[in-house]
């Protein structure tokens, strides 16, 4: 893991912001490894990500100095060590392709399932698995138990790896912009339990997957990543399902990776994803 820190900023746009940030880092002896910025002219906002080497760098002293400057420039900001990766929990149901990819690429602290299908995978990877039966009558009680478990485990990021339950607004409010979901991109045209079958009947030529942060509005949160694949008349329903699953696992893993690397800033219902 890199011994580096990342500064994320968003604030009203104005001249000299890059100079202000880079000069203060220079004063503290930072060796900048990566820097990227973006302006939204319609919103009048400025966004920036800076990563630098922590060798010989006094992070706490920098935080104090930067806080003064940030207040004067009306900045929202955070500074995090890349070595301090957030603890991740994965929620899963019966479909496991996204869980397999997440476990292969990322360190996971906890897996929660409303079915037992993912338990063997969790055991293979040495990850704690907790089963919760979810019914309409039990849903509120189950979510309360899940939230206690997540807090006790120090979980900072939740990944819904094809978890076929809708989280309540109360649950979502506990983890703002810290729950990542993935779904097919046929919505809203092909909603329901068999979207690939419906899309096949319409002869679609593109299929896709979308990964986004979960908000109280179902499947309407800030989008982090998307992917598409071409479909032809030769493809059957099973081909669509397989290509869709490939897209889902890739798109979800990218979104999780970028979140963990502190590359994503949310504003409004949009995201800036830094290179």
C-alpha atoms as a PDB file:
ATOM      1  CA  UNK A   1       0.000   0.000   0.000  1.00  0.00           C
ATOM      2  CA  UNK A   2       1.275   3.449  -0.937  1.00  0.00           C
ATOM      3  CA  UNK A   3       2.520   5.653   1.896  1.00  0.00           C
ATOM      4  CA  UNK A   4       0.714   8.682   0.512  1.00  0.00           C
ATOM      5  CA  UNK A   5      -2.112  11.048   1.394  1.00  0.00           C
ATOM      6  CA  UNK A   6      -4.994  12.377  -0.678  1.00  0.00           C
ATOM      7  CA  UNK A   7      -6.649  15.781  -0.411  1.00  0.00           C
ATOM      8  CA  UNK A   8     -10.137  16.170  -1.922  1.00  0.00           C
ATOM      9  CA  UNK A   9     -11.627  19.635  -2.366  1.00  0.00           C
ATOM     10  CA  UNK A  10     -14.753  21.247  -3.707  1.00  0.00           C
ATOM     11  CA  UNK A  11     -15.576  24.926  -3.378  1.00  0.00           C
ATOM     12  CA  UNK A  12     -16.806  27.987  -5.273  1.00  0.00           C
ATOM     13  CA  UNK A  13     -14.547  28.542  -8.278  1.00  0.00           C
ATOM     14  CA  UNK A  14     -12.131  31.478  -8.317  1.00  0.00           C
ATOM     15  CA  UNK A  15      -8.683  32.351  -9.582  1.00  0.00           C
ATOM     16  CA  UNK A  16      -5.620  31.031  -7.800  1.00  0.00           C
ATOM     17  CA  UNK A  17      -7.078  27.948  -6.106  1.00  0.00           C
ATOM     18  CA  UNK A  18      -4.513  25.533  -7.570  1.00  0.00           C
ATOM     19  CA  UNK A  19      -1.706  27.883  -6.566  1.00  0.00           C
ATOM     20  CA  UNK A  20      -3.036  28.220  -3.001  1.00  0.00           C
ATOM     21  CA  UNK A  21      -3.192  24.466  -2.495  1.00  0.00           C
ATOM     22  CA  UNK A  22       0.117  23.605  -4.169  1.00  0.00           C
ATOM     23  CA  UNK A  23       1.998  26.400  -2.409  1.00  0.00           C
ATOM     24  CA  UNK A  24       0.840  25.260   1.015  1.00  0.00           C
ATOM     25  CA  UNK A  25       1.826  21.674   0.228  1.00  0.00           C
ATOM     26  CA  UNK A  26       5.226  22.943  -0.953  1.00  0.00           C
ATOM     27  CA  UNK A  27       5.692  24.837   2.325  1.00  0.00           C
ATOM     28  CA  UNK A  28       5.265  21.545   4.183  1.00  0.00           C
ATOM     29  CA  UNK A  29       7.745  19.791   1.902  1.00  0.00           C
ATOM     30  CA  UNK A  30       5.236  17.620   0.035  1.00  0.00           C
ATOM     31  CA  UNK A  31       6.320  15.659  -3.009  1.00  0.00           C
ATOM     32  CA  UNK A  32       3.162  15.728  -5.162  1.00  0.00           C
ATOM     33  CA  UNK A  33       2.582  12.429  -6.983  1.00  0.00           C
ATOM     34  CA  UNK A  34      -0.704  13.198  -8.761  1.00  0.00           C
ATOM     35  CA  UNK A  35      -2.898  16.267  -9.147  1.00  0.00           C
ATOM     36  CA  UNK A  36      -6.156  16.654 -11.019  1.00  0.00           C
ATOM     37  CA  UNK A  37      -8.826  19.347 -11.066  1.00  0.00           C
ATOM     38  CA  UNK A  38     -12.167  20.114 -12.670  1.00  0.00           C
ATOM     39  CA  UNK A  39     -14.367  23.160 -13.026  1.00  0.00           C
ATOM     40  CA  UNK A  40     -18.152  23.097 -13.440  1.00  0.00           C
ATOM     41  CA  UNK A  41     -18.869  26.462 -15.089  1.00  0.00           C
ATOM     42  CA  UNK A  42     -22.647  26.148 -14.764  1.00  0.00           C
ATOM     43  CA  UNK A  43     -22.505  25.462 -11.038  1.00  0.00           C
ATOM     44  CA  UNK A  44     -19.508  27.757 -10.508  1.00  0.00           C
ATOM     45  CA  UNK A  45     -17.671  25.031  -8.614  1.00  0.00           C
ATOM     46  CA  UNK A  46     -14.073  23.853  -8.449  1.00  0.00           C
ATOM     47  CA  UNK A  47     -12.974  20.296  -7.655  1.00  0.00           C
ATOM     48  CA  UNK A  48      -9.467  18.996  -6.942  1.00  0.00           C
ATOM     49  CA  UNK A  49      -7.659  15.817  -5.939  1.00  0.00           C
ATOM     50  CA  UNK A  50      -4.008  15.912  -4.878  1.00  0.00           C
ATOM     51  CA  UNK A  51      -1.923  12.923  -3.809  1.00  0.00           C
ATOM     52  CA  UNK A  52       1.533  13.272  -2.274  1.00  0.00           C
ATOM     53  CA  UNK A  53       4.273  11.196  -0.670  1.00  0.00           C
ATOM     54  CA  UNK A  54       4.087  11.086   3.132  1.00  0.00           C
ATOM     55  CA  UNK A  55       7.874  10.727   3.668  1.00  0.00           C
ATOM     56  CA  UNK A  56       8.846  13.393   6.220  1.00  0.00           C
ATOM     57  CA  UNK A  57       5.438  15.073   6.001  1.00  0.00           C
ATOM     58  CA  UNK A  58       3.673  16.412   9.134  1.00  0.00           C
ATOM     59  CA  UNK A  59       0.044  15.620   8.322  1.00  0.00           C
ATOM     60  CA  UNK A  60      -1.516  17.001  11.492  1.00  0.00           C
ATOM     61  CA  UNK A  61       0.274  20.320  11.200  1.00  0.00           C
ATOM     62  CA  UNK A  62      -0.818  20.533   7.569  1.00  0.00           C
ATOM     63  CA  UNK A  63      -4.442  19.821   8.525  1.00  0.00           C
ATOM     64  CA  UNK A  64      -4.396  22.733  10.936  1.00  0.00           C
ATOM     65  CA  UNK A  65      -2.947  25.193   8.417  1.00  0.00           C
ATOM     66  CA  UNK A  66      -5.160  23.981   5.608  1.00  0.00           C
ATOM     67  CA  UNK A  67      -8.312  24.283   7.724  1.00  0.00           C
ATOM     68  CA  UNK A  68      -7.688  28.023   8.103  1.00  0.00           C
ATOM     69  CA  UNK A  69      -7.206  28.512   4.370  1.00  0.00           C
ATOM     70  CA  UNK A  70     -10.164  26.259   3.514  1.00  0.00           C
ATOM     71  CA  UNK A  71     -12.505  28.253   5.745  1.00  0.00           C
ATOM     72  CA  UNK A  72     -11.562  31.485   4.008  1.00  0.00           C
ATOM     73  CA  UNK A  73     -12.251  29.916   0.598  1.00  0.00           C
ATOM     74  CA  UNK A  74     -15.475  28.123   1.653  1.00  0.00           C
ATOM     75  CA  UNK A  75     -14.017  24.706   0.853  1.00  0.00           C
ATOM     76  CA  UNK A  76     -15.428  21.276   1.632  1.00  0.00           C
ATOM     77  CA  UNK A  77     -12.365  19.115   2.045  1.00  0.00           C
ATOM     78  CA  UNK A  78     -10.911  15.915   3.446  1.00  0.00           C
ATOM     79  CA  UNK A  79      -7.408  14.526   3.860  1.00  0.00           C
ATOM     80  CA  UNK A  80      -6.970  10.765   4.078  1.00  0.00           C
ATOM     81  CA  UNK A  81      -4.053   8.346   4.099  1.00  0.00           C
ATOM     82  CA  UNK A  82      -4.326   5.851   1.239  1.00  0.00           C
ATOM     83  CA  UNK A  83      -2.921   3.180   3.549  1.00  0.00           C
ATOM     84  CA  UNK A  84      -5.954   3.666   5.846  1.00  0.00           C
ATOM     85  CA  UNK A  85      -8.425   1.816   3.616  1.00  0.00           C
ATOM     86  CA  UNK A  86     -12.069   1.913   4.729  1.00  0.00           C
ATOM     87  CA  UNK A  87     -13.450  -1.367   6.067  1.00  0.00           C
ATOM     88  CA  UNK A  88     -15.847  -2.889   3.532  1.00  0.00           C
ATOM     89  CA  UNK A  89     -19.000  -4.956   4.017  1.00  0.00           C
ATOM     90  CA  UNK A  90     -20.705  -6.714   1.116  1.00  0.00           C
ATOM     91  CA  UNK A  91     -24.430  -7.451   1.015  1.00  0.00           C
ATOM     92  CA  UNK A  92     -25.409 -10.386  -1.210  1.00  0.00           C
ATOM     93  CA  UNK A  93     -28.411 -12.560  -2.099  1.00  0.00           C
ATOM     94  CA  UNK A  94     -28.280 -15.589  -4.424  1.00  0.00           C
ATOM     95  CA  UNK A  95     -26.440 -14.246  -7.485  1.00  0.00           C
ATOM     96  CA  UNK A  96     -22.719 -14.365  -6.715  1.00  0.00           C
ATOM     97  CA  UNK A  97     -20.732 -13.126  -9.746  1.00  0.00           C
ATOM     98  CA  UNK A  98     -20.257  -9.628  -8.300  1.00  0.00           C
ATOM     99  CA  UNK A  99     -19.307 -10.994  -4.878  1.00  0.00           C
ATOM    100  CA  UNK A 100     -16.690 -13.287  -6.448  1.00  0.00           C
ATOM    101  CA  UNK A 101     -15.069 -10.359  -8.251  1.00  0.00           C
ATOM    102  CA  UNK A 102     -15.112  -8.105  -5.184  1.00  0.00           C
ATOM    103  CA  UNK A 103     -13.497 -10.808  -3.035  1.00  0.00           C
ATOM    104  CA  UNK A 104     -10.849 -11.409  -5.685  1.00  0.00           C
ATOM    105  CA  UNK A 105      -9.896  -7.739  -5.996  1.00  0.00           C
ATOM    106  CA  UNK A 106     -10.593  -6.123  -2.628  1.00  0.00           C
ATOM    107  CA  UNK A 107     -10.153  -6.804   1.059  1.00  0.00           C
ATOM    108  CA  UNK A 108     -13.569  -7.397   2.624  1.00  0.00           C
ATOM    109  CA  UNK A 109     -14.248  -7.397   6.366  1.00  0.00           C
ATOM    110  CA  UNK A 110     -17.789  -8.760   6.433  1.00  0.00           C
ATOM    111  CA  UNK A 111     -20.416 -10.368   4.175  1.00  0.00           C
ATOM    112  CA  UNK A 112     -24.126 -10.154   4.993  1.00  0.00           C
ATOM    113  CA  UNK A 113     -26.599 -12.345   3.098  1.00  0.00           C
ATOM    114  CA  UNK A 114     -30.350 -12.729   3.049  1.00  0.00           C
ATOM    115  CA  UNK A 115     -29.693 -16.205   1.610  1.00  0.00           C
ATOM    116  CA  UNK A 116     -26.984 -18.738   2.476  1.00  0.00           C
ATOM    117  CA  UNK A 117     -25.599 -19.031  -1.068  1.00  0.00           C
ATOM    118  CA  UNK A 118     -22.580 -16.809  -0.362  1.00  0.00           C
ATOM    119  CA  UNK A 119     -21.495 -18.553   2.833  1.00  0.00           C
ATOM    120  CA  UNK A 120     -19.145 -21.042   1.151  1.00  0.00           C
ATOM    121  CA  UNK A 121     -17.357 -18.251  -0.735  1.00  0.00           C
ATOM    122  CA  UNK A 122     -16.975 -16.251   2.467  1.00  0.00           C
ATOM    123  CA  UNK A 123     -15.447 -19.272   4.199  1.00  0.00           C
ATOM    124  CA  UNK A 124     -13.052 -19.868   1.296  1.00  0.00           C
ATOM    125  CA  UNK A 125     -11.779 -16.269   1.507  1.00  0.00           C
ATOM    126  CA  UNK A 126     -11.729 -16.247   5.303  1.00  0.00           C
ATOM    127  CA  UNK A 127     -14.377 -13.541   5.619  1.00  0.00           C
ATOM    128  CA  UNK A 128     -17.053 -13.480   8.317  1.00  0.00           C
ATOM    129  CA  UNK A 129     -20.527 -14.296   6.941  1.00  0.00           C
ATOM    130  CA  UNK A 130     -23.749 -13.303   8.682  1.00  0.00           C
ATOM    131  CA  UNK A 131     -27.141 -14.579   7.528  1.00  0.00           C
ATOM    132  CA  UNK A 132     -30.294 -12.515   7.996  1.00  0.00           C
ATOM    133  CA  UNK A 133     -33.671 -13.805   6.888  1.00  0.00           C
ATOM    134  CA  UNK A 134     -35.526 -10.812   5.426  1.00  0.00           C
ATOM    135  CA  UNK A 135     -39.311 -10.770   5.174  1.00  0.00           C
ATOM    136  CA  UNK A 136     -41.652  -7.770   5.033  1.00  0.00           C
ATOM    137  CA  UNK A 137     -42.594  -8.375   8.666  1.00  0.00           C
ATOM    138  CA  UNK A 138     -38.953  -8.686   9.797  1.00  0.00           C
ATOM    139  CA  UNK A 139     -37.371  -6.023   7.564  1.00  0.00           C
ATOM    140  CA  UNK A 140     -37.162  -3.204  10.106  1.00  0.00           C
ATOM    141  CA  UNK A 141     -35.877  -5.479  12.866  1.00  0.00           C
ATOM    142  CA  UNK A 142     -33.300  -7.020  10.515  1.00  0.00           C
ATOM    143  CA  UNK A 143     -31.990  -3.627   9.402  1.00  0.00           C
ATOM    144  CA  UNK A 144     -31.574  -2.550  13.023  1.00  0.00           C
ATOM    145  CA  UNK A 145     -29.522  -5.699  13.707  1.00  0.00           C
ATOM    146  CA  UNK A 146     -27.480  -5.156  10.542  1.00  0.00           C
ATOM    147  CA  UNK A 147     -26.709  -1.569  11.498  1.00  0.00           C
ATOM    148  CA  UNK A 148     -25.523  -2.644  14.955  1.00  0.00           C
ATOM    149  CA  UNK A 149     -23.261  -5.262  13.368  1.00  0.00           C
ATOM    150  CA  UNK A 150     -21.870  -2.754  10.867  1.00  0.00           C
ATOM    151  CA  UNK A 151     -21.133  -0.196  13.596  1.00  0.00           C
ATOM    152  CA  UNK A 152     -19.517  -2.782  15.875  1.00  0.00           C
ATOM    153  CA  UNK A 153     -17.355  -3.965  12.953  1.00  0.00           C
ATOM    154  CA  UNK A 154     -16.236  -0.423  12.064  1.00  0.00           C
ATOM    155  CA  UNK A 155     -17.626  -0.670   8.530  1.00  0.00           C
ATOM    156  CA  UNK A 156     -17.191   2.479   6.445  1.00  0.00           C
ATOM    157  CA  UNK A 157     -18.316   1.286   2.999  1.00  0.00           C
ATOM    158  CA  UNK A 158     -21.202  -1.009   2.032  1.00  0.00           C
ATOM    159  CA  UNK A 159     -21.253  -2.752  -1.349  1.00  0.00           C
ATOM    160  CA  UNK A 160     -24.523  -4.195  -2.635  1.00  0.00           C
ATOM    161  CA  UNK A 161     -23.334  -7.100  -4.787  1.00  0.00           C
ATOM    162  CA  UNK A 162     -26.681  -7.904  -6.407  1.00  0.00           C
ATOM    163  CA  UNK A 163     -28.422  -7.702  -3.030  1.00  0.00           C
ATOM    164  CA  UNK A 164     -32.079  -8.129  -3.909  1.00  0.00           C
ATOM    165  CA  UNK A 165     -33.539  -6.024  -1.127  1.00  0.00           C
ATOM    166  CA  UNK A 166     -34.413  -2.338  -1.085  1.00  0.00           C
ATOM    167  CA  UNK A 167     -32.764  -0.564   1.845  1.00  0.00           C
ATOM    168  CA  UNK A 168     -34.996   1.691   3.897  1.00  0.00           C
ATOM    169  CA  UNK A 169     -34.435   5.484   3.894  1.00  0.00           C
ATOM    170  CA  UNK A 170     -33.458   5.216   7.564  1.00  0.00           C
ATOM    171  CA  UNK A 171     -30.729   2.702   6.725  1.00  0.00           C
ATOM    172  CA  UNK A 172     -29.416   4.756   3.789  1.00  0.00           C
ATOM    173  CA  UNK A 173     -29.175   7.896   5.926  1.00  0.00           C
ATOM    174  CA  UNK A 174     -26.697   6.090   8.192  1.00  0.00           C
ATOM    175  CA  UNK A 175     -24.208   5.766   5.301  1.00  0.00           C
ATOM    176  CA  UNK A 176     -24.539   8.793   2.989  1.00  0.00           C
ATOM    177  CA  UNK A 177     -22.471   8.301  -0.193  1.00  0.00           C
ATOM    178  CA  UNK A 178     -21.019   5.173   1.379  1.00  0.00           C
ATOM    179  CA  UNK A 179     -23.319   2.521  -0.112  1.00  0.00           C
ATOM    180  CA  UNK A 180     -22.508   1.423  -3.684  1.00  0.00           C
ATOM    181  CA  UNK A 181     -24.996  -0.530  -5.798  1.00  0.00           C
ATOM    182  CA  UNK A 182     -24.949  -2.035  -9.288  1.00  0.00           C
ATOM    183  CA  UNK A 183     -27.786  -2.863 -11.666  1.00  0.00           C
ATOM    184  CA  UNK A 184     -28.495  -3.356 -15.347  1.00  0.00           C
ATOM    185  CA  UNK A 185     -28.980  -0.174 -17.371  1.00  0.00           C
ATOM    186  CA  UNK A 186     -32.313  -1.155 -18.935  1.00  0.00           C
ATOM    187  CA  UNK A 187     -34.171   1.001 -16.424  1.00  0.00           C
ATOM    188  CA  UNK A 188     -36.730   2.450 -16.712  1.00  0.00           C
ATOM    189  CA  UNK A 189     -37.709   0.773 -20.008  1.00  0.00           C
ATOM    190  CA  UNK A 190     -37.348  -2.805 -18.790  1.00  0.00           C
ATOM    191  CA  UNK A 191     -38.130  -2.922 -15.096  1.00  0.00           C
ATOM    192  CA  UNK A 192     -39.104  -5.991 -13.117  1.00  0.00           C
ATOM    193  CA  UNK A 193     -37.666  -9.429 -12.424  1.00  0.00           C
ATOM    194  CA  UNK A 194     -36.841 -10.486 -16.026  1.00  0.00           C
ATOM    195  CA  UNK A 195     -35.323  -7.437 -17.721  1.00  0.00           C
ATOM    196  CA  UNK A 196     -33.052  -9.403 -20.056  1.00  0.00           C
ATOM    197  CA  UNK A 197     -35.974 -11.432 -21.331  1.00  0.00           C
ATOM    198  CA  UNK A 198     -37.956  -8.248 -21.977  1.00  0.00           C
ATOM    199  CA  UNK A 199     -34.976  -6.620 -23.704  1.00  0.00           C
ATOM    200  CA  UNK A 200     -34.489  -9.713 -25.859  1.00  0.00           C
ATOM    201  CA  UNK A 201     -38.091  -9.535 -27.014  1.00  0.00           C
ATOM    202  CA  UNK A 202     -37.526  -5.930 -28.091  1.00  0.00           C
ATOM    203  CA  UNK A 203     -34.323  -6.788 -29.962  1.00  0.00           C
ATOM    204  CA  UNK A 204     -32.038  -4.416 -28.074  1.00  0.00           C
ATOM    205  CA  UNK A 205     -28.623  -3.691 -29.596  1.00  0.00           C
ATOM    206  CA  UNK A 206     -26.881  -2.400 -26.462  1.00  0.00           C
ATOM    207  CA  UNK A 207     -26.879  -3.658 -22.901  1.00  0.00           C
ATOM    208  CA  UNK A 208     -25.232  -1.959 -19.966  1.00  0.00           C
ATOM    209  CA  UNK A 209     -24.594  -1.779 -16.234  1.00  0.00           C
ATOM    210  CA  UNK A 210     -24.538   1.158 -13.844  1.00  0.00           C
ATOM    211  CA  UNK A 211     -22.853   1.515 -10.461  1.00  0.00           C
ATOM    212  CA  UNK A 212     -23.942   4.365  -8.220  1.00  0.00           C
ATOM    213  CA  UNK A 213     -24.225   5.570  -4.651  1.00  0.00           C
ATOM    214  CA  UNK A 214     -27.472   4.581  -2.980  1.00  0.00           C
ATOM    215  CA  UNK A 215     -29.881   7.334  -2.003  1.00  0.00           C
ATOM    216  CA  UNK A 216     -33.415   7.304  -0.657  1.00  0.00           C
ATOM    217  CA  UNK A 217     -34.698   7.502  -4.250  1.00  0.00           C
ATOM    218  CA  UNK A 218     -34.443   3.977  -5.666  1.00  0.00           C
ATOM    219  CA  UNK A 219     -31.703   3.537  -8.316  1.00  0.00           C
ATOM    220  CA  UNK A 220     -31.388   7.317  -8.647  1.00  0.00           C
ATOM    221  CA  UNK A 221     -28.138   8.068  -6.808  1.00  0.00           C
ATOM    222  CA  UNK A 222     -24.972   9.720  -8.162  1.00  0.00           C
ATOM    223  CA  UNK A 223     -23.468   7.512 -10.880  1.00  0.00           C
ATOM    224  CA  UNK A 224     -19.842   6.415 -10.437  1.00  0.00           C
ATOM    225  CA  UNK A 225     -19.278   4.126 -13.424  1.00  0.00           C
ATOM    226  CA  UNK A 226     -21.133   2.585 -16.374  1.00  0.00           C
ATOM    227  CA  UNK A 227     -20.339   0.033 -19.071  1.00  0.00           C
ATOM    228  CA  UNK A 228     -21.975  -1.138 -22.313  1.00  0.00           C
ATOM    229  CA  UNK A 229     -21.719  -4.093 -24.698  1.00  0.00           C
ATOM    230  CA  UNK A 230     -23.009  -4.588 -28.233  1.00  0.00           C
ATOM    231  CA  UNK A 231     -25.758  -7.133 -28.863  1.00  0.00           C
ATOM    232  CA  UNK A 232     -26.709  -8.667 -32.196  1.00  0.00           C
ATOM    233  CA  UNK A 233     -29.605 -10.720 -33.527  1.00  0.00           C
ATOM    234  CA  UNK A 234     -27.480 -13.824 -32.944  1.00  0.00           C
ATOM    235  CA  UNK A 235     -27.490 -13.334 -29.166  1.00  0.00           C
ATOM    236  CA  UNK A 236     -30.055 -15.288 -27.167  1.00  0.00           C
ATOM    237  CA  UNK A 237     -31.436 -14.483 -23.720  1.00  0.00           C
ATOM    238  CA  UNK A 238     -28.654 -16.409 -21.958  1.00  0.00           C
ATOM    239  CA  UNK A 239     -26.044 -14.494 -23.963  1.00  0.00           C
ATOM    240  CA  UNK A 240     -27.570 -11.213 -22.797  1.00  0.00           C
ATOM    241  CA  UNK A 241     -27.569 -12.399 -19.195  1.00  0.00           C
ATOM    242  CA  UNK A 242     -23.922 -13.508 -19.348  1.00  0.00           C
ATOM    243  CA  UNK A 243     -22.747 -10.287 -21.004  1.00  0.00           C
ATOM    244  CA  UNK A 244     -24.781  -8.279 -18.521  1.00  0.00           C
ATOM    245  CA  UNK A 245     -23.215 -10.092 -15.577  1.00  0.00           C
ATOM    246  CA  UNK A 246     -19.730  -9.452 -16.959  1.00  0.00           C
ATOM    247  CA  UNK A 247     -20.531  -5.756 -17.169  1.00  0.00           C
ATOM    248  CA  UNK A 248     -22.014  -5.682 -13.665  1.00  0.00           C
ATOM    249  CA  UNK A 249     -18.964  -7.207 -11.989  1.00  0.00           C
ATOM    250  CA  UNK A 250     -16.486  -4.969 -13.856  1.00  0.00           C
ATOM    251  CA  UNK A 251     -18.472  -1.783 -13.295  1.00  0.00           C
ATOM    252  CA  UNK A 252     -19.037  -2.505  -9.598  1.00  0.00           C
ATOM    253  CA  UNK A 253     -15.385  -3.368  -8.936  1.00  0.00           C
ATOM    254  CA  UNK A 254     -14.229  -0.175 -10.640  1.00  0.00           C
ATOM    255  CA  UNK A 255     -16.629   1.914  -8.564  1.00  0.00           C
ATOM    256  CA  UNK A 256     -15.436   0.298  -5.340  1.00  0.00           C
ATOM    257  CA  UNK A 257     -11.777   0.727  -6.333  1.00  0.00           C
ATOM    258  CA  UNK A 258     -12.226   4.420  -7.134  1.00  0.00           C
ATOM    259  CA  UNK A 259     -14.086   5.043  -3.873  1.00  0.00           C
ATOM    260  CA  UNK A 260     -11.357   3.325  -1.853  1.00  0.00           C
ATOM    261  CA  UNK A 261      -8.683   5.322  -3.673  1.00  0.00           C
ATOM    262  CA  UNK A 262     -10.491   8.566  -2.779  1.00  0.00           C
ATOM    263  CA  UNK A 263     -11.135   9.442  -6.423  1.00  0.00           C
ATOM    264  CA  UNK A 264     -14.850  10.283  -6.185  1.00  0.00           C
ATOM    265  CA  UNK A 265     -16.478  13.568  -5.174  1.00  0.00           C
ATOM    266  CA  UNK A 266     -20.265  13.934  -5.029  1.00  0.00           C
ATOM    267  CA  UNK A 267     -22.142  17.156  -5.654  1.00  0.00           C
ATOM    268  CA  UNK A 268     -25.837  17.428  -6.250  1.00  0.00           C
ATOM    269  CA  UNK A 269     -26.790  14.120  -7.824  1.00  0.00           C
ATOM    270  CA  UNK A 270     -23.565  13.860  -9.841  1.00  0.00           C
ATOM    271  CA  UNK A 271     -19.994  12.734  -9.282  1.00  0.00           C
ATOM    272  CA  UNK A 272     -16.548  13.848 -10.281  1.00  0.00           C
ATOM    273  CA  UNK A 273     -14.314  10.793 -10.743  1.00  0.00           C
ATOM    274  CA  UNK A 274     -10.678  11.842 -10.874  1.00  0.00           C
ATOM    275  CA  UNK A 275      -8.087  10.088 -13.066  1.00  0.00           C
END
